[in-house]
C-alpha atoms as a PDB file:
ATOM      1  CA  MET A   1      36.685   7.119  -4.449  1.00  0.00           C
ATOM      2  CA  ARG A   2      37.768   4.531  -2.068  1.00  0.00           C
ATOM      3  CA  SER A   3      36.146   1.778  -3.943  1.00  0.00           C
ATOM      4  CA  VAL A   4      38.264   2.606  -6.671  1.00  0.00           C
ATOM      5  CA  GLY A   5      41.480   2.828  -4.881  1.00  0.00           C
ATOM      6  CA  PHE A   6      40.420  -0.999  -3.636  1.00  0.00           C
ATOM      7  CA  LYS A   7      40.054  -1.928  -7.401  1.00  0.00           C
ATOM      8  CA  SER A   8      43.204  -1.156  -8.067  1.00  0.00           C
ATOM      9  CA  SER A   9      44.674  -2.195  -5.028  1.00  0.00           C
ATOM     10  CA  LEU A  10      43.661  -5.528  -6.057  1.00  0.00           C
ATOM     11  CA  TYR A  11      44.557  -5.070  -9.306  1.00  0.00           C
ATOM     12  CA  LEU A  12      48.115  -4.292  -8.530  1.00  0.00           C
ATOM     13  CA  SER A  13      48.596  -7.255  -6.123  1.00  0.00           C
ATOM     14  CA  TYR A  14      47.277  -9.463  -8.910  1.00  0.00           C
ATOM     15  CA  LEU A  15      50.102  -7.879 -11.308  1.00  0.00           C
ATOM     16  CA  ILE A  16      52.252  -8.812  -8.718  1.00  0.00           C
ATOM     17  CA  ARG A  17      51.442 -11.640  -8.289  1.00  0.00           C
ATOM     18  CA  SER A  18      51.347 -12.787 -12.549  1.00  0.00           C
ATOM     19  CA  GLY A  19      54.510 -11.128 -12.807  1.00  0.00           C
ATOM     20  CA  ILE A  20      55.809 -13.231  -9.576  1.00  0.00           C
ATOM     21  CA  ARG A  21      54.699 -17.105 -11.038  1.00  0.00           C
ATOM     22  CA  GLN A  22      55.888 -16.270 -14.596  1.00  0.00           C
ATOM     23  CA  PHE A  23      59.217 -15.271 -13.100  1.00  0.00           C
ATOM     24  CA  THR A  24      59.757 -18.542 -11.473  1.00  0.00           C
ATOM     25  CA  LEU A  25      58.390 -20.601 -14.218  1.00  0.00           C
ATOM     26  CA  TYR A  26      61.169 -18.428 -16.087  1.00  0.00           C
ATOM     27  CA  LEU A  27      64.051 -19.954 -13.005  1.00  0.00           C
ATOM     28  CA  LEU A  28      62.484 -23.834 -13.114  1.00  0.00           C
ATOM     29  CA  LEU A  29      63.838 -23.525 -17.252  1.00  0.00           C
ATOM     30  CA  ILE A  30      67.146 -21.835 -16.495  1.00  0.00           C
ATOM     31  CA  MET A  31      68.185 -23.936 -13.338  1.00  0.00           C
ATOM     32  CA  SER A  32      67.161 -27.474 -15.764  1.00  0.00           C
ATOM     33  CA  GLY A  33      69.740 -25.894 -17.999  1.00  0.00           C
ATOM     34  CA  LEU A  34      72.308 -25.539 -15.244  1.00  0.00           C
ATOM     35  CA  SER A  35      71.759 -29.483 -13.715  1.00  0.00           C
ATOM     36  CA  GLY A  36      73.664 -30.408 -16.219  1.00  0.00           C
ATOM     37  CA  LEU A  37      72.769 -29.682 -20.231  1.00  0.00           C
ATOM     38  CA  LEU A  38      75.162 -27.442 -20.420  1.00  0.00           C
ATOM     39  CA  TYR A  39      77.980 -28.105 -18.351  1.00  0.00           C
ATOM     40  CA  SER A  40      80.367 -31.150 -19.185  1.00  0.00           C
ATOM     41  CA  GLN A  41      81.911 -31.400 -15.853  1.00  0.00           C
ATOM     42  CA  THR A  42      80.552 -31.255 -12.031  1.00  0.00           C
ATOM     43  CA  THR A  43      82.309 -30.647  -9.107  1.00  0.00           C
ATOM     44  CA  HIS A  44      80.709 -30.284  -5.329  1.00  0.00           C
ATOM     45  CA  ARG A  45      81.790 -28.838  -2.184  1.00  0.00           C
ATOM     46  CA  SER A  46      80.810 -28.404   1.360  1.00  0.00           C
ATOM     47  CA  GLU A  47      80.178 -25.506   3.147  1.00  0.00           C
ATOM     48  CA  ALA A  48      78.267 -23.704   6.476  1.00  0.00           C
ATOM     49  CA  TRP A  49      76.355 -20.750   5.120  1.00  0.00           C
ATOM     50  CA  LEU A  50      76.244 -18.071   8.856  1.00  0.00           C
ATOM     51  CA  GLY A  51      74.595 -15.076   8.934  1.00  0.00           C
ATOM     52  CA  TYR A  52      73.485 -12.212  11.096  1.00  0.00           C
ATOM     53  CA  ILE A  53      70.969  -9.565   9.905  1.00  0.00           C
ATOM     54  CA  THR A  54      69.920  -6.713  11.621  1.00  0.00           C
ATOM     55  CA  SER A  55      67.547  -3.704  11.420  1.00  0.00           C
ATOM     56  CA  TYR A  56      66.939  -0.508  13.008  1.00  0.00           C
ATOM     57  CA  ARG A  57      63.772   1.124  12.220  1.00  0.00           C
ATOM     58  CA  LEU A  58      63.918   5.114  13.145  1.00  0.00           C
ATOM     59  CA  ASN A  59      60.384   6.488  12.461  1.00  0.00           C
ATOM     60  CA  GLU A  60      57.568   5.548  10.003  1.00  0.00           C
ATOM     61  CA  LYS A  61      59.465   5.590   7.035  1.00  0.00           C
ATOM     62  CA  TRP A  62      63.362   5.132   7.438  1.00  0.00           C
ATOM     63  CA  GLY A  63      65.604   2.659   8.951  1.00  0.00           C
ATOM     64  CA  ILE A  64      68.700   1.103   9.130  1.00  0.00           C
ATOM     65  CA  TRP A  65      70.320  -1.685   7.902  1.00  0.00           C
ATOM     66  CA  ASN A  66      73.270  -3.614   8.825  1.00  0.00           C
ATOM     67  CA  ASP A  67      73.600  -7.329   7.534  1.00  0.00           C
ATOM     68  CA  PHE A  68      76.689  -9.407   8.278  1.00  0.00           C
ATOM     69  CA  HIS A  69      77.527 -13.319   6.068  1.00  0.00           C
ATOM     70  CA  TYR A  70      80.457 -15.652   6.091  1.00  0.00           C
ATOM     71  CA  VAL A  71      81.027 -18.926   4.404  1.00  0.00           C
ATOM     72  CA  GLY A  72      84.025 -20.108   5.511  1.00  0.00           C
ATOM     73  CA  GLN A  73      87.305 -20.234   2.635  1.00  0.00           C
ATOM     74  CA  THR A  74      84.396 -18.524   0.457  1.00  0.00           C
ATOM     75  CA  PHE A  75      83.333 -15.074   1.318  1.00  0.00           C
ATOM     76  CA  PHE A  76      82.782 -12.223   4.125  1.00  0.00           C
ATOM     77  CA  VAL A  77      80.417  -9.782   3.699  1.00  0.00           C
ATOM     78  CA  SER A  78      79.934  -7.006   5.814  1.00  0.00           C
ATOM     79  CA  ARG A  79      77.120  -4.434   4.243  1.00  0.00           C
ATOM     80  CA  HIS A  80      75.029  -1.145   5.912  1.00  0.00           C
ATOM     81  CA  GLY A  81      72.681   1.092   4.081  1.00  0.00           C
ATOM     82  CA  LEU A  82      69.270   3.200   4.440  1.00  0.00           C
ATOM     83  CA  THR A  83      65.443   1.756   3.757  1.00  0.00           C
ATOM     84  CA  TYR A  84      63.023   3.767   2.640  1.00  0.00           C
ATOM     85  CA  PHE A  85      59.608   2.577   3.862  1.00  0.00           C
ATOM     86  CA  ALA A  86      57.143   3.468   0.346  1.00  0.00           C
ATOM     87  CA  GLN A  87      54.411   1.742   1.325  1.00  0.00           C
ATOM     88  CA  ARG A  88      53.273  -1.223   4.491  1.00  0.00           C
ATOM     89  CA  ASN A  89      54.545  -3.782   1.782  1.00  0.00           C
ATOM     90  CA  LEU A  90      57.328  -2.050  -0.569  1.00  0.00           C
ATOM     91  CA  GLU A  91      60.501  -1.220   1.109  1.00  0.00           C
ATOM     92  CA  ILE A  92      63.506   0.779  -0.790  1.00  0.00           C
ATOM     93  CA  SER A  93      67.500   0.285   0.292  1.00  0.00           C
ATOM     94  CA  GLY A  94      70.445   1.050  -0.419  1.00  0.00           C
ATOM     95  CA  GLY A  95      73.799   1.556   1.340  1.00  0.00           C
ATOM     96  CA  TYR A  96      77.520   0.068   0.735  1.00  0.00           C
ATOM     97  CA  ALA A  97      79.032  -3.021   1.615  1.00  0.00           C
ATOM     98  CA  TYR A  98      82.977  -4.276   2.465  1.00  0.00           C
ATOM     99  CA  VAL A  99      83.431  -7.584   0.599  1.00  0.00           C
ATOM    100  CA  ALA A 100      85.885 -10.167   1.118  1.00  0.00           C
ATOM    101  CA  THR A 101      86.214 -12.956  -1.515  1.00  0.00           C
ATOM    102  CA  SER A 102      88.484 -16.301  -2.583  1.00  0.00           C
ATOM    103  CA  LEU A 103      89.711 -16.906  -5.827  1.00  0.00           C
ATOM    104  CA  PRO A 104      87.842 -18.546  -8.824  1.00  0.00           C
ATOM    105  CA  GLY A 105      88.599 -21.912  -7.083  1.00  0.00           C
ATOM    106  CA  GLY A 106      90.697 -20.625  -4.440  1.00  0.00           C
ATOM    107  CA  THR A 107      89.717 -21.935  -0.922  1.00  0.00           C
ATOM    108  CA  ARG A 108      91.390 -18.622   0.481  1.00  0.00           C
ATOM    109  CA  ILE A 109      89.211 -15.520   1.424  1.00  0.00           C
ATOM    110  CA  GLU A 110      92.218 -13.020   0.106  1.00  0.00           C
ATOM    111  CA  ARG A 111      90.254 -10.675  -2.885  1.00  0.00           C
ATOM    112  CA  PRO A 112      89.020  -6.728  -1.056  1.00  0.00           C
ATOM    113  CA  GLU A 113      85.985  -5.493  -2.891  1.00  0.00           C
ATOM    114  CA  ASN A 114      83.846  -2.277  -2.496  1.00  0.00           C
ATOM    115  CA  ARG A 115      80.382  -2.943  -3.119  1.00  0.00           C
ATOM    116  CA  ILE A 116      77.057  -0.069  -4.128  1.00  0.00           C
ATOM    117  CA  TRP A 117      74.149  -1.893  -3.176  1.00  0.00           C
ATOM    118  CA  GLY A 118      70.506  -0.655  -3.930  1.00  0.00           C
ATOM    119  CA  GLN A 119      67.180  -3.228  -4.154  1.00  0.00           C
ATOM    120  CA  VAL A 120      63.558  -2.631  -4.036  1.00  0.00           C
ATOM    121  CA  GLU A 121      61.550  -5.470  -2.259  1.00  0.00           C
ATOM    122  CA  THR A 122      57.934  -6.511  -1.761  1.00  0.00           C
ATOM    123  CA  ARG A 123      55.547  -8.816   0.645  1.00  0.00           C
ATOM    124  CA  ILE A 124      51.964 -10.316  -0.236  1.00  0.00           C
ATOM    125  CA  THR A 125      50.554 -12.260   2.671  1.00  0.00           C
ATOM    126  CA  LEU A 126      47.872 -14.322   0.779  1.00  0.00           C
ATOM    127  CA  ASN A 127      46.207 -15.165   3.774  1.00  0.00           C
ATOM    128  CA  ARG A 128      46.965 -15.958   7.823  1.00  0.00           C
ATOM    129  CA  ARG A 129      49.952 -19.106   6.581  1.00  0.00           C
ATOM    130  CA  TRP A 130      51.072 -18.200   3.481  1.00  0.00           C
ATOM    131  CA  ILE A 131      53.803 -14.930   2.227  1.00  0.00           C
ATOM    132  CA  ILE A 132      55.403 -14.093  -0.997  1.00  0.00           C
ATOM    133  CA  ARG A 133      58.269 -12.313  -1.155  1.00  0.00           C
ATOM    134  CA  ALA A 134      59.863 -10.759  -4.123  1.00  0.00           C
ATOM    135  CA  ARG A 135      63.310  -8.065  -4.677  1.00  0.00           C
ATOM    136  CA  TYR A 136      65.580  -6.970  -6.625  1.00  0.00           C
ATOM    137  CA  ARG A 137      68.821  -6.572  -5.821  1.00  0.00           C
ATOM    138  CA  HIS A 138      71.679  -4.658  -7.959  1.00  0.00           C
ATOM    139  CA  ASP A 139      75.487  -4.459  -7.263  1.00  0.00           C
ATOM    140  CA  ALA A 140      78.761  -2.505  -8.691  1.00  0.00           C
ATOM    141  CA  ARG A 141      81.250  -4.002  -6.991  1.00  0.00           C
ATOM    142  CA  PHE A 142      84.931  -3.038  -7.708  1.00  0.00           C
ATOM    143  CA  ARG A 143      87.106  -5.464  -7.281  1.00  0.00           C
ATOM    144  CA  GLN A 144      91.133  -6.455  -7.565  1.00  0.00           C
ATOM    145  CA  ALA A 145      91.697  -7.813 -11.294  1.00  0.00           C
ATOM    146  CA  ILE A 146      93.136 -10.880 -11.172  1.00  0.00           C
ATOM    147  CA  ASP A 147      95.937 -12.229 -14.300  1.00  0.00           C
ATOM    148  CA  GLN A 148      96.291 -16.081 -14.113  1.00  0.00           C
ATOM    149  CA  GLY A 149      95.710 -16.435 -10.213  1.00  0.00           C
ATOM    150  CA  GLN A 150      96.976 -13.795  -9.101  1.00  0.00           C
ATOM    151  CA  LEU A 151      95.786 -10.394  -8.204  1.00  0.00           C
ATOM    152  CA  LEU A 152      96.402  -7.024  -9.338  1.00  0.00           C
ATOM    153  CA  ASN A 153      96.667  -3.437  -7.934  1.00  0.00           C
ATOM    154  CA  GLU A 154      94.260  -2.804 -10.753  1.00  0.00           C
ATOM    155  CA  LYS A 155      90.582  -2.440 -10.038  1.00  0.00           C
ATOM    156  CA  VAL A 156      87.674  -3.440 -12.205  1.00  0.00           C
ATOM    157  CA  LEU A 157      84.261  -2.620 -12.180  1.00  0.00           C
ATOM    158  CA  SER A 158      81.597  -5.406 -13.105  1.00  0.00           C
ATOM    159  CA  MET A 159      77.417  -4.975 -12.164  1.00  0.00           C
ATOM    160  CA  ARG A 160      75.199  -7.755 -10.355  1.00  0.00           C
ATOM    161  CA  TYR A 161      71.998  -8.423 -11.417  1.00  0.00           C
ATOM    162  CA  ARG A 162      69.803 -10.547  -8.817  1.00  0.00           C
ATOM    163  CA  PHE A 163      66.370 -11.403  -8.614  1.00  0.00           C
ATOM    164  CA  LEU A 164      65.161 -13.166  -5.589  1.00  0.00           C
ATOM    165  CA  VAL A 165      61.564 -14.987  -4.864  1.00  0.00           C
ATOM    166  CA  GLY A 166      60.916 -16.558  -1.557  1.00  0.00           C
ATOM    167  CA  LEU A 167      57.563 -18.697  -0.002  1.00  0.00           C
ATOM    168  CA  ARG A 168      57.266 -18.888   3.626  1.00  0.00           C
ATOM    169  CA  TYR A 169      54.053 -21.253   5.161  1.00  0.00           C
ATOM    170  CA  LYS A 170      53.613 -20.572   8.932  1.00  0.00           C
ATOM    171  CA  VAL A 171      53.563 -24.027   9.903  1.00  0.00           C
ATOM    172  CA  ILE A 172      52.386 -23.409  13.519  1.00  0.00           C
ATOM    173  CA  ARG A 173      50.870 -19.795  14.764  1.00  0.00           C
ATOM    174  CA  PHE A 174      51.116 -19.055  18.394  1.00  0.00           C
ATOM    175  CA  ASP A 175      50.161 -15.721  19.892  1.00  0.00           C
ATOM    176  CA  SER A 176      52.183 -12.232  20.021  1.00  0.00           C
ATOM    177  CA  GLY A 177      53.684 -12.690  16.989  1.00  0.00           C
ATOM    178  CA  ARG A 178      55.439 -16.213  17.171  1.00  0.00           C
ATOM    179  CA  SER A 179      55.621 -18.732  14.815  1.00  0.00           C
ATOM    180  CA  ILE A 180      57.707 -21.550  12.775  1.00  0.00           C
ATOM    181  CA  HIS A 181      57.719 -21.844   9.393  1.00  0.00           C
ATOM    182  CA  ALA A 182      58.801 -23.212   6.567  1.00  0.00           C
ATOM    183  CA  ASN A 183      61.092 -21.006   3.723  1.00  0.00           C
ATOM    184  CA  VAL A 184      61.857 -21.652   0.030  1.00  0.00           C
ATOM    185  CA  LEU A 185      64.245 -19.000  -1.243  1.00  0.00           C
ATOM    186  CA  ASN A 186      65.087 -19.386  -4.806  1.00  0.00           C
ATOM    187  CA  GLU A 187      67.602 -16.229  -6.014  1.00  0.00           C
ATOM    188  CA  PHE A 188      69.113 -15.912  -9.627  1.00  0.00           C
ATOM    189  CA  LEU A 189      72.109 -13.861 -10.145  1.00  0.00           C
ATOM    190  CA  LEU A 190      73.745 -12.337 -13.183  1.00  0.00           C
ATOM    191  CA  HIS A 191      76.469 -10.165 -14.408  1.00  0.00           C
ATOM    192  CA  SER A 192      78.905  -8.172 -16.351  1.00  0.00           C
ATOM    193  CA  GLY A 193      82.001  -6.047 -16.969  1.00  0.00           C
ATOM    194  CA  SER A 194      84.578  -6.594 -19.116  1.00  0.00           C
ATOM    195  CA  ALA A 195      86.534  -8.675 -16.449  1.00  0.00           C
ATOM    196  CA  ILE A 196      84.083 -10.646 -16.283  1.00  0.00           C
ATOM    197  CA  GLN A 197      84.711 -14.369 -18.744  1.00  0.00           C
ATOM    198  CA  THR A 198      82.433 -17.194 -17.363  1.00  0.00           C
ATOM    199  CA  GLY A 199      79.343 -16.310 -19.239  1.00  0.00           C
ATOM    200  CA  VAL A 200      76.657 -13.687 -18.441  1.00  0.00           C
ATOM    201  CA  ILE A 201      75.098 -16.398 -15.300  1.00  0.00           C
ATOM    202  CA  ASP A 202      76.670 -15.948 -11.880  1.00  0.00           C
ATOM    203  CA  GLN A 203      75.448 -18.084  -9.967  1.00  0.00           C
ATOM    204  CA  ASN A 204      71.624 -19.668  -8.654  1.00  0.00           C
ATOM    205  CA  ARG A 205      70.748 -19.675  -5.358  1.00  0.00           C
ATOM    206  CA  THR A 206      68.681 -22.258  -3.672  1.00  0.00           C
ATOM    207  CA  TYR A 207      67.416 -22.555   0.220  1.00  0.00           C
ATOM    208  CA  LEU A 208      65.192 -24.451   2.133  1.00  0.00           C
ATOM    209  CA  LEU A 209      64.988 -22.970   6.009  1.00  0.00           C
ATOM    210  CA  ALA A 210      63.207 -23.473   8.862  1.00  0.00           C
ATOM    211  CA  GLY A 211      62.598 -20.930  11.571  1.00  0.00           C
ATOM    212  CA  PHE A 212      61.180 -20.083  14.576  1.00  0.00           C
ATOM    213  CA  THR A 213      60.032 -15.913  14.842  1.00  0.00           C
ATOM    214  CA  LEU A 214      59.719 -14.563  18.344  1.00  0.00           C
ATOM    215  CA  LYS A 215      58.739 -10.910  18.052  1.00  0.00           C
ATOM    216  CA  ARG A 216      62.046  -9.019  17.325  1.00  0.00           C
ATOM    217  CA  MET A 217      63.970 -11.673  16.369  1.00  0.00           C
ATOM    218  CA  THR A 218      64.097 -14.419  13.525  1.00  0.00           C
ATOM    219  CA  LEU A 219      66.274 -17.898  14.013  1.00  0.00           C
ATOM    220  CA  MET A 220      66.515 -19.526  10.458  1.00  0.00           C
ATOM    221  CA  VAL A 221      68.428 -23.020  10.081  1.00  0.00           C
ATOM    222  CA  GLY A 222      68.986 -25.510   7.106  1.00  0.00           C
ATOM    223  CA  TYR A 223      70.462 -26.343   3.452  1.00  0.00           C
ATOM    224  CA  HIS A 224      71.278 -24.271   0.456  1.00  0.00           C
ATOM    225  CA  ASN A 225      72.316 -24.930  -2.326  1.00  0.00           C
ATOM    226  CA  ARG A 226      74.659 -22.850  -4.570  1.00  0.00           C
ATOM    227  CA  LEU A 227      75.400 -23.336  -8.988  1.00  0.00           C
ATOM    228  CA  LEU A 228      78.429 -21.508 -10.174  1.00  0.00           C
ATOM    229  CA  PRO A 229      78.468 -22.006 -14.233  1.00  0.00           C
ATOM    230  CA  ASN A 230      81.886 -21.536 -16.192  1.00  0.00           C
ATOM    231  CA  ILE A 231      80.861 -20.999 -19.550  1.00  0.00           C
ATOM    232  CA  GLN A 232      84.398 -20.454 -20.891  1.00  0.00           C
ATOM    233  CA  THR A 233      85.253 -23.964 -19.194  1.00  0.00           C
ATOM    234  CA  GLY A 234      82.430 -25.849 -19.201  1.00  0.00           C
ATOM    235  CA  ASN A 235      81.796 -26.729 -15.767  1.00  0.00           C
ATOM    236  CA  LEU A 236      79.759 -26.160 -13.257  1.00  0.00           C
ATOM    237  CA  SER A 237      80.706 -25.814  -8.974  1.00  0.00           C
ATOM    238  CA  VAL A 238      78.131 -27.325  -7.034  1.00  0.00           C
ATOM    239  CA  ARG A 239      78.445 -25.412  -2.997  1.00  0.00           C
ATOM    240  CA  HIS A 240      75.880 -26.439  -0.476  1.00  0.00           C
ATOM    241  CA  GLY A 241      75.714 -27.726   3.163  1.00  0.00           C
ATOM    242  CA  LEU A 242      74.559 -25.606   6.285  1.00  0.00           C
ATOM    243  CA  THR A 243      72.700 -22.675   6.676  1.00  0.00           C
ATOM    244  CA  LEU A 244      72.462 -20.705  10.188  1.00  0.00           C
ATOM    245  CA  TRP A 245      70.935 -16.951   9.986  1.00  0.00           C
ATOM    246  CA  GLY A 246      69.774 -14.756  12.830  1.00  0.00           C
ATOM    247  CA  VAL A 247      67.262 -11.933  12.647  1.00  0.00           C
ATOM    248  CA  GLN A 248      66.805  -9.496  14.837  1.00  0.00           C
ATOM    249  CA  SER A 249      64.531  -5.696  14.490  1.00  0.00           C
ATOM    250  CA  PHE A 250      65.209  -3.103  16.901  1.00  0.00           C
ATOM    251  CA  GLY A 251      63.808   0.954  17.318  1.00  0.00           C
ATOM    252  CA  TRP A 252      60.581   1.874  16.094  1.00  0.00           C
ATOM    253  CA  LYS A 253      57.403  -0.594  15.804  1.00  0.00           C
ATOM    254  CA  ALA A 254      59.962  -3.023  15.364  1.00  0.00           C
ATOM    255  CA  ASP A 255      57.606  -6.182  15.767  1.00  0.00           C
ATOM    256  CA  LYS A 256      57.777  -7.438  12.109  1.00  0.00           C
ATOM    257  CA  VAL A 257      61.607  -9.239  10.928  1.00  0.00           C
ATOM    258  CA  PHE A 258      62.231  -9.245   7.632  1.00  0.00           C
ATOM    259  CA  ILE A 259      64.915 -11.458   6.084  1.00  0.00           C
ATOM    260  CA  PRO A 260      67.819 -10.064   3.621  1.00  0.00           C
ATOM    261  CA  LEU A 261      69.749 -12.142   1.517  1.00  0.00           C
ATOM    262  CA  ASP A 262      73.527 -11.852   0.718  1.00  0.00           C
END
């Protein structure tokens, strides 16, 4: 019986890795279109992304999720919820987030949003240095409607579908779980709803990050690039710049740091 279970685990691991490879190829194909083939005009704007992410492990199966993100003139996120640790490398989370964003093309954070979110995440340890993570997150976004660049009292609901693949390489491994690592992440976001006029593709986010992990804390710094296409106008907006995140774990056996993203 143990042999059957071991073979099943290997087969499941193979399916997950195969799916990640196929999804990564799909992202590359999509990004080749976003890079300029579909859009007549491209605008660039620099930005800095600050984030603080925490988890409090209550017991073997449950934890509390909190994270905060701020990008000047663009958005603020305060997200909270619960995490269920279904298996060693499988986590299911969900909860509520308060979000404030700028208007399309604007530079003031003035559009409030109430967001219900949920996600499933898995991590695969390939060897002592390489780790792959994959995540699907779903956002139900209740926001104020916009008419000709003005906020209305009316609320509108839209859905967002988020697919993330990440790869971590441990450059230097120390004792007691400490390490210096390099991280590459890509998140592809789709959205739908009656108020969505920019097309089904919301944006694509790519991160190149260097990190230092202690037993219960990770500091990550690097570069991010966000591509925001607009099918209606034929324009592509590129937002990019510094990324600085602090990730901290507390509570029951909080010796493994996870890295949720906005």
